[in-house]
Amino acid sequence: MSDQRAPDIRAGDVLPVLEIPITRTLIVAGALASRDYQDVHHDVELAQAKGSPDIFMNILTTNGLVGRYLTDHFGPTAVLQKLAIRLGAPNYPGDTMTLTGTITEVDGPPAPAPAPPPASTTAPAPAPAKTTVQVRIVGTNALGHHVTGTATLHLPPGGATASCTSSPRRSPEGTV
């Protein structure tokens, strides 16, 4: 586990890769958890009758996995302020979705927050500024881009703890 502080985050930094095996369980569980009961997310025969070769992942599951990818990297105190994604190629069972991210913008204090005022001062100290980070996200599978988008995160004063390393990671199969 590396410790990455907000002032050390720069535009152009690349987040570690996250590989997520796409299983039937993940697709169905994600659809049920998001109350998406469309048959194309759980019934192979009905999905095929509608022209799909198999069931496929819904957008809410993809949205959740992208959010998880970001908070796994920036830590549990990071606030995902905005997420704008677009779906492309479907995620079918048996494939792997590979998520990548690049920091495109960092807006916030370039240095750690100043020390608190002496105890004799009665005026409250100003709240330290948050760091805002924008990230470009791409999720690919064997068919091409499954998801593309951007995210805006607010990192707490003092920085966020990055919990990913620079080496690729693989998600445990079936984990939502």
N, C-alpha and C. Protein backbone atom coordinates (compact mmCIF):
# COMPACT_ATOMS: atom_id res chain seq x y z
N MET A 1 0.84 -1.17 0.00
CA MET A 1 0.00 0.00 0.00
C MET A 1 0.89 1.23 0.00
N SER A 2 0.66 2.11 -0.97
CA SER A 2 1.46 3.32 -1.02
C SER A 2 0.69 4.46 -0.37
N ASP A 3 1.39 5.47 0.07
CA ASP A 3 0.75 6.63 0.68
C ASP A 3 0.96 7.81 -0.24
N GLN A 4 -0.10 8.24 -0.93
CA GLN A 4 -0.01 9.33 -1.88
C GLN A 4 -0.83 10.49 -1.34
N ARG A 5 -0.23 11.62 -1.13
CA ARG A 5 -0.91 12.80 -0.59
C ARG A 5 -1.35 13.72 -1.72
N ALA A 6 -2.46 14.42 -1.50
CA ALA A 6 -3.04 15.28 -2.52
C ALA A 6 -2.03 16.20 -3.19
N PRO A 7 -1.12 16.88 -2.45
CA PRO A 7 -0.18 17.77 -3.12
C PRO A 7 0.77 17.03 -4.08
N ASP A 8 0.92 15.70 -3.92
CA ASP A 8 1.80 14.94 -4.79
C ASP A 8 1.09 14.45 -6.06
N ILE A 9 -0.21 14.65 -6.15
CA ILE A 9 -0.98 14.20 -7.31
C ILE A 9 -0.87 15.26 -8.39
N ARG A 10 -0.55 14.83 -9.60
CA ARG A 10 -0.36 15.78 -10.70
C ARG A 10 -1.14 15.33 -11.94
N ALA A 11 -1.52 16.31 -12.74
CA ALA A 11 -2.14 16.01 -14.03
C ALA A 11 -1.16 15.16 -14.84
N GLY A 12 -1.68 14.16 -15.48
CA GLY A 12 -0.85 13.24 -16.26
C GLY A 12 -0.54 11.95 -15.52
N ASP A 13 -0.72 11.94 -14.18
CA ASP A 13 -0.50 10.70 -13.43
C ASP A 13 -1.48 9.63 -13.91
N VAL A 14 -1.00 8.40 -13.99
CA VAL A 14 -1.81 7.28 -14.44
C VAL A 14 -2.14 6.39 -13.24
N LEU A 15 -3.42 6.06 -13.08
CA LEU A 15 -3.84 5.17 -12.00
C LEU A 15 -3.49 3.74 -12.38
N PRO A 16 -3.29 2.89 -11.38
CA PRO A 16 -3.01 1.48 -11.67
C PRO A 16 -4.20 0.82 -12.39
N VAL A 17 -3.90 -0.18 -13.17
CA VAL A 17 -4.91 -0.94 -13.90
C VAL A 17 -5.69 -1.82 -12.92
N LEU A 18 -6.99 -1.96 -13.16
CA LEU A 18 -7.81 -2.91 -12.41
C LEU A 18 -8.52 -3.81 -13.39
N GLU A 19 -8.28 -5.12 -13.29
CA GLU A 19 -8.94 -6.10 -14.15
C GLU A 19 -10.07 -6.75 -13.37
N ILE A 20 -11.28 -6.74 -13.96
CA ILE A 20 -12.45 -7.30 -13.30
C ILE A 20 -13.01 -8.42 -14.19
N PRO A 21 -12.95 -9.66 -13.72
CA PRO A 21 -13.57 -10.75 -14.49
C PRO A 21 -15.09 -10.54 -14.54
N ILE A 22 -15.66 -10.65 -15.72
CA ILE A 22 -17.10 -10.49 -15.89
C ILE A 22 -17.74 -11.87 -15.81
N THR A 23 -18.42 -12.12 -14.72
CA THR A 23 -19.07 -13.41 -14.50
C THR A 23 -20.59 -13.23 -14.57
N ARG A 24 -21.29 -14.33 -14.76
CA ARG A 24 -22.76 -14.28 -14.72
C ARG A 24 -23.22 -13.78 -13.35
N THR A 25 -22.56 -14.24 -12.32
CA THR A 25 -22.93 -13.83 -10.97
C THR A 25 -22.79 -12.32 -10.80
N LEU A 26 -21.70 -11.75 -11.27
CA LEU A 26 -21.49 -10.31 -11.18
C LEU A 26 -22.58 -9.55 -11.94
N ILE A 27 -22.91 -10.00 -13.15
CA ILE A 27 -23.92 -9.33 -13.97
C ILE A 27 -25.29 -9.39 -13.29
N VAL A 28 -25.69 -10.58 -12.86
CA VAL A 28 -27.02 -10.74 -12.26
C VAL A 28 -27.08 -10.04 -10.90
N ALA A 29 -26.06 -10.20 -10.08
CA ALA A 29 -26.05 -9.57 -8.76
C ALA A 29 -26.07 -8.05 -8.89
N GLY A 30 -25.33 -7.49 -9.84
CA GLY A 30 -25.33 -6.05 -10.05
C GLY A 30 -26.69 -5.54 -10.50
N ALA A 31 -27.34 -6.29 -11.38
CA ALA A 31 -28.67 -5.89 -11.83
C ALA A 31 -29.67 -5.95 -10.68
N LEU A 32 -29.63 -7.02 -9.90
CA LEU A 32 -30.55 -7.14 -8.76
C LEU A 32 -30.29 -6.07 -7.71
N ALA A 33 -29.02 -5.83 -7.41
CA ALA A 33 -28.68 -4.83 -6.39
C ALA A 33 -29.14 -3.43 -6.80
N SER A 34 -29.18 -3.16 -8.09
CA SER A 34 -29.61 -1.84 -8.56
C SER A 34 -31.08 -1.84 -8.99
N ARG A 35 -31.78 -2.93 -8.66
CA ARG A 35 -33.21 -3.08 -8.97
C ARG A 35 -33.52 -2.93 -10.46
N ASP A 36 -32.61 -3.42 -11.27
CA ASP A 36 -32.80 -3.42 -12.72
C ASP A 36 -33.21 -4.84 -13.11
N TYR A 37 -34.51 -5.05 -13.28
CA TYR A 37 -35.04 -6.39 -13.53
C TYR A 37 -35.23 -6.68 -15.02
N GLN A 38 -34.61 -5.90 -15.88
CA GLN A 38 -34.70 -6.17 -17.31
C GLN A 38 -34.15 -7.56 -17.60
N ASP A 39 -34.88 -8.31 -18.40
CA ASP A 39 -34.52 -9.70 -18.66
C ASP A 39 -33.15 -9.86 -19.33
N VAL A 40 -32.67 -8.85 -20.05
CA VAL A 40 -31.38 -8.96 -20.74
C VAL A 40 -30.21 -9.03 -19.77
N HIS A 41 -30.46 -8.79 -18.48
CA HIS A 41 -29.40 -8.84 -17.48
C HIS A 41 -29.42 -10.12 -16.65
N HIS A 42 -30.39 -11.02 -16.92
CA HIS A 42 -30.43 -12.26 -16.12
C HIS A 42 -30.96 -13.48 -16.86
N ASP A 43 -31.61 -13.32 -18.01
CA ASP A 43 -32.22 -14.45 -18.71
C ASP A 43 -31.59 -14.60 -20.10
N VAL A 44 -30.76 -15.62 -20.25
CA VAL A 44 -30.03 -15.81 -21.51
C VAL A 44 -30.98 -15.96 -22.69
N GLU A 45 -32.01 -16.79 -22.56
CA GLU A 45 -32.92 -17.04 -23.69
C GLU A 45 -33.64 -15.76 -24.12
N LEU A 46 -34.11 -14.97 -23.17
CA LEU A 46 -34.80 -13.73 -23.53
C LEU A 46 -33.82 -12.69 -24.08
N ALA A 47 -32.58 -12.67 -23.57
CA ALA A 47 -31.57 -11.76 -24.12
C ALA A 47 -31.28 -12.13 -25.57
N GLN A 48 -31.17 -13.43 -25.85
CA GLN A 48 -30.92 -13.89 -27.21
C GLN A 48 -32.10 -13.59 -28.12
N ALA A 49 -33.32 -13.72 -27.61
CA ALA A 49 -34.51 -13.41 -28.40
C ALA A 49 -34.54 -11.94 -28.79
N LYS A 50 -33.88 -11.11 -27.99
CA LYS A 50 -33.82 -9.67 -28.28
C LYS A 50 -32.58 -9.29 -29.08
N GLY A 51 -31.81 -10.29 -29.54
CA GLY A 51 -30.68 -10.04 -30.42
C GLY A 51 -29.32 -10.00 -29.77
N SER A 52 -29.24 -10.25 -28.47
CA SER A 52 -27.95 -10.26 -27.78
C SER A 52 -27.44 -11.70 -27.71
N PRO A 53 -26.14 -11.92 -27.84
CA PRO A 53 -25.63 -13.29 -27.75
C PRO A 53 -25.71 -13.87 -26.33
N ASP A 54 -25.86 -13.01 -25.32
CA ASP A 54 -25.88 -13.48 -23.93
C ASP A 54 -26.42 -12.34 -23.07
N ILE A 55 -26.54 -12.58 -21.76
CA ILE A 55 -26.89 -11.49 -20.85
C ILE A 55 -25.72 -10.51 -20.83
N PHE A 56 -25.98 -9.28 -20.40
CA PHE A 56 -24.90 -8.29 -20.35
C PHE A 56 -25.10 -7.37 -19.15
N MET A 57 -23.99 -6.75 -18.74
CA MET A 57 -23.95 -5.90 -17.56
C MET A 57 -24.76 -4.62 -17.78
N ASN A 58 -25.44 -4.17 -16.72
CA ASN A 58 -26.20 -2.91 -16.81
C ASN A 58 -25.30 -1.72 -16.46
N ILE A 59 -25.78 -0.53 -16.81
CA ILE A 59 -24.98 0.67 -16.61
C ILE A 59 -24.75 0.98 -15.13
N LEU A 60 -25.71 0.65 -14.27
CA LEU A 60 -25.54 0.94 -12.85
C LEU A 60 -24.43 0.10 -12.22
N THR A 61 -24.28 -1.13 -12.68
CA THR A 61 -23.17 -1.96 -12.19
C THR A 61 -21.84 -1.38 -12.67
N THR A 62 -21.80 -1.00 -13.94
CA THR A 62 -20.59 -0.36 -14.47
C THR A 62 -20.26 0.89 -13.67
N ASN A 63 -21.28 1.71 -13.41
CA ASN A 63 -21.10 2.94 -12.64
C ASN A 63 -20.50 2.64 -11.27
N GLY A 64 -21.02 1.62 -10.61
CA GLY A 64 -20.50 1.23 -9.29
C GLY A 64 -19.07 0.74 -9.35
N LEU A 65 -18.74 -0.02 -10.38
CA LEU A 65 -17.37 -0.53 -10.51
C LEU A 65 -16.38 0.60 -10.79
N VAL A 66 -16.80 1.59 -11.57
CA VAL A 66 -15.93 2.75 -11.82
C VAL A 66 -15.72 3.52 -10.51
N GLY A 67 -16.80 3.71 -9.75
CA GLY A 67 -16.68 4.38 -8.46
C GLY A 67 -15.75 3.64 -7.52
N ARG A 68 -15.88 2.32 -7.49
CA ARG A 68 -15.00 1.50 -6.66
C ARG A 68 -13.54 1.65 -7.09
N TYR A 69 -13.31 1.65 -8.39
CA TYR A 69 -11.95 1.82 -8.92
C TYR A 69 -11.33 3.11 -8.40
N LEU A 70 -12.10 4.18 -8.44
CA LEU A 70 -11.59 5.48 -7.99
C LEU A 70 -11.36 5.52 -6.49
N THR A 71 -12.31 5.04 -5.70
CA THR A 71 -12.14 5.10 -4.25
C THR A 71 -11.11 4.08 -3.76
N ASP A 72 -10.92 2.99 -4.49
CA ASP A 72 -9.81 2.07 -4.14
C ASP A 72 -8.48 2.80 -4.27
N HIS A 73 -8.37 3.68 -5.26
CA HIS A 73 -7.12 4.40 -5.47
C HIS A 73 -6.96 5.59 -4.52
N PHE A 74 -7.97 6.44 -4.45
CA PHE A 74 -7.85 7.68 -3.68
C PHE A 74 -8.19 7.53 -2.20
N GLY A 75 -8.75 6.41 -1.81
CA GLY A 75 -9.03 6.15 -0.41
C GLY A 75 -10.46 6.44 -0.01
N PRO A 76 -10.85 5.94 1.15
CA PRO A 76 -12.24 6.03 1.59
C PRO A 76 -12.71 7.44 1.96
N THR A 77 -11.79 8.38 2.14
CA THR A 77 -12.20 9.74 2.49
C THR A 77 -12.38 10.63 1.26
N ALA A 78 -12.03 10.13 0.09
CA ALA A 78 -12.26 10.87 -1.14
C ALA A 78 -13.76 10.89 -1.42
N VAL A 79 -14.25 12.02 -1.90
CA VAL A 79 -15.67 12.16 -2.22
C VAL A 79 -15.82 12.21 -3.74
N LEU A 80 -16.54 11.26 -4.28
CA LEU A 80 -16.82 11.23 -5.71
C LEU A 80 -17.92 12.25 -5.97
N GLN A 81 -17.55 13.42 -6.47
CA GLN A 81 -18.46 14.54 -6.64
C GLN A 81 -19.30 14.40 -7.90
N LYS A 82 -18.68 13.95 -8.99
CA LYS A 82 -19.39 13.86 -10.27
C LYS A 82 -18.80 12.71 -11.08
N LEU A 83 -19.68 11.96 -11.72
CA LEU A 83 -19.25 10.87 -12.59
C LEU A 83 -20.10 10.92 -13.84
N ALA A 84 -19.47 11.07 -14.97
CA ALA A 84 -20.16 11.10 -16.26
C ALA A 84 -19.56 10.01 -17.13
N ILE A 85 -20.36 8.97 -17.41
CA ILE A 85 -19.85 7.85 -18.20
C ILE A 85 -20.75 7.60 -19.41
N ARG A 86 -20.15 6.95 -20.39
CA ARG A 86 -20.87 6.52 -21.58
C ARG A 86 -20.51 5.06 -21.85
N LEU A 87 -21.52 4.26 -22.14
CA LEU A 87 -21.29 2.85 -22.44
C LEU A 87 -21.03 2.66 -23.93
N GLY A 88 -20.23 1.64 -24.21
CA GLY A 88 -19.94 1.25 -25.58
C GLY A 88 -20.23 -0.23 -25.75
N ALA A 89 -19.19 -1.02 -25.94
CA ALA A 89 -19.34 -2.47 -26.13
C ALA A 89 -19.85 -3.12 -24.85
N PRO A 90 -20.81 -4.05 -24.96
CA PRO A 90 -21.35 -4.70 -23.77
C PRO A 90 -20.31 -5.56 -23.04
N ASN A 91 -20.51 -5.70 -21.74
CA ASN A 91 -19.73 -6.64 -20.93
C ASN A 91 -20.52 -7.94 -20.85
N TYR A 92 -19.99 -9.00 -21.48
CA TYR A 92 -20.63 -10.31 -21.47
C TYR A 92 -19.89 -11.24 -20.50
N PRO A 93 -20.58 -12.27 -20.02
CA PRO A 93 -19.91 -13.24 -19.14
C PRO A 93 -18.71 -13.88 -19.83
N GLY A 94 -17.66 -14.12 -19.05
CA GLY A 94 -16.46 -14.77 -19.57
C GLY A 94 -15.40 -13.78 -20.04
N ASP A 95 -15.75 -12.51 -20.12
CA ASP A 95 -14.79 -11.49 -20.54
C ASP A 95 -14.14 -10.86 -19.31
N THR A 96 -13.23 -9.97 -19.53
CA THR A 96 -12.59 -9.21 -18.45
C THR A 96 -12.67 -7.73 -18.82
N MET A 97 -13.11 -6.92 -17.86
CA MET A 97 -13.09 -5.47 -18.07
C MET A 97 -11.83 -4.92 -17.41
N THR A 98 -11.06 -4.18 -18.16
CA THR A 98 -9.83 -3.57 -17.66
C THR A 98 -10.06 -2.07 -17.53
N LEU A 99 -10.00 -1.59 -16.28
CA LEU A 99 -10.19 -0.16 -16.02
C LEU A 99 -8.85 0.53 -15.91
N THR A 100 -8.75 1.69 -16.57
CA THR A 100 -7.57 2.54 -16.47
C THR A 100 -8.04 3.97 -16.24
N GLY A 101 -7.18 4.76 -15.66
CA GLY A 101 -7.52 6.16 -15.40
C GLY A 101 -6.30 7.04 -15.50
N THR A 102 -6.53 8.27 -15.94
CA THR A 102 -5.48 9.28 -16.02
C THR A 102 -5.99 10.56 -15.39
N ILE A 103 -5.20 11.12 -14.50
CA ILE A 103 -5.57 12.39 -13.87
C ILE A 103 -5.37 13.49 -14.91
N THR A 104 -6.44 14.23 -15.16
CA THR A 104 -6.38 15.27 -16.19
C THR A 104 -6.25 16.67 -15.60
N GLU A 105 -6.66 16.83 -14.34
CA GLU A 105 -6.59 18.16 -13.72
C GLU A 105 -6.56 18.02 -12.20
N VAL A 106 -5.78 18.88 -11.57
CA VAL A 106 -5.71 18.95 -10.11
C VAL A 106 -5.86 20.40 -9.72
N ASP A 107 -6.82 20.67 -8.85
CA ASP A 107 -7.06 22.05 -8.41
C ASP A 107 -7.12 22.05 -6.89
N GLY A 108 -6.21 22.72 -6.29
CA GLY A 108 -6.21 22.76 -4.84
C GLY A 108 -4.91 23.30 -4.32
N PRO A 109 -4.74 23.22 -3.02
CA PRO A 109 -3.53 23.78 -2.42
C PRO A 109 -2.29 23.02 -2.86
N PRO A 110 -1.23 23.74 -3.26
CA PRO A 110 -0.01 23.07 -3.68
C PRO A 110 0.84 22.60 -2.51
N ALA A 111 0.48 23.01 -1.30
CA ALA A 111 1.27 22.63 -0.12
C ALA A 111 0.32 22.21 0.99
N PRO A 112 0.84 21.53 2.02
CA PRO A 112 -0.01 21.13 3.13
C PRO A 112 -0.66 22.35 3.79
N ALA A 113 -1.76 22.12 4.47
CA ALA A 113 -2.49 23.19 5.16
C ALA A 113 -1.59 23.84 6.20
N PRO A 114 -1.76 25.17 6.44
CA PRO A 114 -0.93 25.86 7.43
C PRO A 114 -1.21 25.35 8.84
N ALA A 115 -0.24 25.59 9.72
CA ALA A 115 -0.39 25.17 11.12
C ALA A 115 -1.51 25.96 11.77
N PRO A 116 -2.19 25.38 12.78
CA PRO A 116 -3.27 26.10 13.45
C PRO A 116 -2.72 27.31 14.21
N PRO A 117 -3.58 28.33 14.45
CA PRO A 117 -3.13 29.53 15.16
C PRO A 117 -2.83 29.19 16.61
N PRO A 118 -2.11 30.07 17.30
CA PRO A 118 -1.81 29.83 18.71
C PRO A 118 -3.09 29.71 19.53
N ALA A 119 -3.01 29.01 20.65
CA ALA A 119 -4.17 28.74 21.49
C ALA A 119 -4.81 30.01 22.03
N SER A 120 -4.09 31.13 22.14
CA SER A 120 -4.64 32.35 22.70
C SER A 120 -5.61 33.05 21.74
N THR A 121 -5.62 32.67 20.46
CA THR A 121 -6.52 33.28 19.50
C THR A 121 -7.89 32.65 19.63
N THR A 122 -8.94 33.45 19.69
CA THR A 122 -10.28 32.93 19.85
C THR A 122 -11.00 32.75 18.52
N ALA A 123 -10.53 33.39 17.47
CA ALA A 123 -11.18 33.24 16.17
C ALA A 123 -10.90 31.85 15.62
N PRO A 124 -11.92 31.22 15.03
CA PRO A 124 -11.69 29.88 14.46
C PRO A 124 -10.76 29.96 13.25
N ALA A 125 -9.96 28.94 13.12
CA ALA A 125 -9.05 28.87 11.97
C ALA A 125 -9.87 28.59 10.72
N PRO A 126 -9.46 29.14 9.58
CA PRO A 126 -10.18 28.84 8.34
C PRO A 126 -10.02 27.36 7.99
N ALA A 127 -11.05 26.80 7.40
CA ALA A 127 -11.00 25.39 7.00
C ALA A 127 -10.00 25.24 5.86
N PRO A 128 -9.15 24.23 5.94
CA PRO A 128 -8.19 24.01 4.86
C PRO A 128 -8.95 23.69 3.56
N ALA A 129 -8.39 24.12 2.46
CA ALA A 129 -9.03 23.90 1.16
C ALA A 129 -8.92 22.44 0.74
N LYS A 130 -9.95 21.97 0.07
CA LYS A 130 -9.94 20.62 -0.48
C LYS A 130 -9.19 20.65 -1.81
N THR A 131 -8.72 19.49 -2.21
CA THR A 131 -8.12 19.34 -3.52
C THR A 131 -9.15 18.68 -4.41
N THR A 132 -9.35 19.22 -5.60
CA THR A 132 -10.27 18.64 -6.57
C THR A 132 -9.44 17.99 -7.67
N VAL A 133 -9.79 16.75 -7.98
CA VAL A 133 -9.07 15.98 -8.99
C VAL A 133 -10.06 15.53 -10.06
N GLN A 134 -9.68 15.70 -11.32
CA GLN A 134 -10.48 15.17 -12.42
C GLN A 134 -9.71 14.02 -13.05
N VAL A 135 -10.46 12.94 -13.33
CA VAL A 135 -9.85 11.73 -13.86
C VAL A 135 -10.61 11.28 -15.11
N ARG A 136 -9.87 10.93 -16.14
CA ARG A 136 -10.43 10.32 -17.35
C ARG A 136 -10.37 8.81 -17.16
N ILE A 137 -11.50 8.13 -17.35
CA ILE A 137 -11.59 6.69 -17.10
C ILE A 137 -11.94 5.98 -18.41
N VAL A 138 -11.31 4.83 -18.62
CA VAL A 138 -11.63 3.97 -19.75
C VAL A 138 -11.69 2.54 -19.24
N GLY A 139 -12.75 1.84 -19.63
CA GLY A 139 -12.87 0.42 -19.31
C GLY A 139 -13.02 -0.35 -20.61
N THR A 140 -12.12 -1.28 -20.84
CA THR A 140 -12.14 -2.04 -22.10
C THR A 140 -12.41 -3.51 -21.83
N ASN A 141 -12.89 -4.18 -22.88
CA ASN A 141 -13.05 -5.63 -22.86
C ASN A 141 -12.63 -6.15 -24.23
N ALA A 142 -12.88 -7.41 -24.52
CA ALA A 142 -12.43 -8.00 -25.79
C ALA A 142 -13.08 -7.33 -27.00
N LEU A 143 -14.23 -6.69 -26.82
CA LEU A 143 -14.94 -6.05 -27.93
C LEU A 143 -14.53 -4.60 -28.15
N GLY A 144 -13.83 -4.01 -27.18
CA GLY A 144 -13.42 -2.60 -27.30
C GLY A 144 -13.70 -1.84 -26.03
N HIS A 145 -14.07 -0.57 -26.17
CA HIS A 145 -14.35 0.27 -25.00
C HIS A 145 -15.75 -0.05 -24.48
N HIS A 146 -15.80 -0.53 -23.24
CA HIS A 146 -17.10 -0.76 -22.59
C HIS A 146 -17.60 0.54 -21.97
N VAL A 147 -16.70 1.28 -21.32
CA VAL A 147 -17.09 2.52 -20.66
C VAL A 147 -15.99 3.57 -20.84
N THR A 148 -16.41 4.80 -21.08
CA THR A 148 -15.49 5.94 -21.10
C THR A 148 -16.16 7.04 -20.29
N GLY A 149 -15.35 7.86 -19.68
CA GLY A 149 -15.96 8.95 -18.93
C GLY A 149 -14.97 9.76 -18.13
N THR A 150 -15.53 10.67 -17.34
CA THR A 150 -14.73 11.52 -16.47
C THR A 150 -15.33 11.52 -15.08
N ALA A 151 -14.47 11.74 -14.11
CA ALA A 151 -14.90 11.81 -12.72
C ALA A 151 -14.24 13.01 -12.06
N THR A 152 -14.98 13.62 -11.15
CA THR A 152 -14.44 14.69 -10.32
C THR A 152 -14.51 14.23 -8.88
N LEU A 153 -13.38 14.27 -8.20
CA LEU A 153 -13.30 13.87 -6.80
C LEU A 153 -12.78 15.01 -5.96
N HIS A 154 -13.30 15.10 -4.74
CA HIS A 154 -12.77 16.03 -3.75
C HIS A 154 -11.97 15.22 -2.75
N LEU A 155 -10.72 15.61 -2.55
CA LEU A 155 -9.87 14.95 -1.59
C LEU A 155 -9.82 15.80 -0.34
N PRO A 156 -9.84 15.17 0.82
CA PRO A 156 -9.87 15.94 2.06
C PRO A 156 -8.57 16.71 2.28
N PRO A 157 -8.62 17.75 3.13
CA PRO A 157 -7.38 18.47 3.46
C PRO A 157 -6.34 17.49 4.00
N GLY A 158 -5.13 17.66 3.59
CA GLY A 158 -4.08 16.75 4.03
C GLY A 158 -3.89 15.59 3.09
N GLY A 159 -4.79 15.41 2.15
CA GLY A 159 -4.60 14.40 1.13
C GLY A 159 -5.41 13.15 1.34
N ALA A 160 -5.44 12.36 0.31
CA ALA A 160 -6.12 11.08 0.33
C ALA A 160 -5.07 10.00 0.33
N THR A 161 -5.37 8.91 0.96
CA THR A 161 -4.45 7.78 0.96
C THR A 161 -4.75 6.92 -0.24
N ALA A 162 -3.79 6.76 -1.10
CA ALA A 162 -3.96 5.89 -2.25
C ALA A 162 -3.71 4.46 -1.80
N SER A 163 -4.63 3.59 -2.13
CA SER A 163 -4.49 2.22 -1.66
C SER A 163 -4.06 1.27 -2.75
N CYS A 164 -3.82 1.78 -3.95
CA CYS A 164 -3.36 0.93 -5.04
C CYS A 164 -1.86 1.08 -5.21
N THR A 165 -1.27 0.09 -5.78
CA THR A 165 0.14 0.18 -6.13
C THR A 165 0.24 0.39 -7.62
N SER A 166 1.44 0.58 -8.12
CA SER A 166 1.60 0.84 -9.54
C SER A 166 1.50 -0.43 -10.38
N SER A 167 1.44 -1.59 -9.75
CA SER A 167 1.33 -2.82 -10.51
C SER A 167 -0.13 -3.15 -10.78
N PRO A 168 -0.40 -3.86 -11.88
CA PRO A 168 -1.79 -4.22 -12.18
C PRO A 168 -2.40 -5.07 -11.07
N ARG A 169 -3.70 -4.90 -10.87
CA ARG A 169 -4.42 -5.69 -9.86
C ARG A 169 -5.52 -6.47 -10.55
N ARG A 170 -5.88 -7.54 -9.96
CA ARG A 170 -6.98 -8.34 -10.48
C ARG A 170 -8.00 -8.47 -9.36
N SER A 171 -9.25 -8.19 -9.70
CA SER A 171 -10.33 -8.28 -8.73
C SER A 171 -10.66 -9.74 -8.47
N PRO A 172 -11.00 -10.08 -7.22
CA PRO A 172 -11.45 -11.45 -6.96
C PRO A 172 -12.72 -11.71 -7.76
N GLU A 173 -12.80 -12.88 -8.40
CA GLU A 173 -13.96 -13.20 -9.23
C GLU A 173 -15.23 -13.15 -8.43
N GLY A 174 -16.23 -12.52 -9.00
CA GLY A 174 -17.54 -12.46 -8.38
C GLY A 174 -17.72 -11.31 -7.41
N THR A 175 -16.67 -10.54 -7.13
CA THR A 175 -16.79 -9.42 -6.21
C THR A 175 -17.48 -8.27 -6.90
N VAL A 176 -18.48 -7.71 -6.26
CA VAL A 176 -19.20 -6.56 -6.84
C VAL A 176 -18.62 -5.30 -6.29
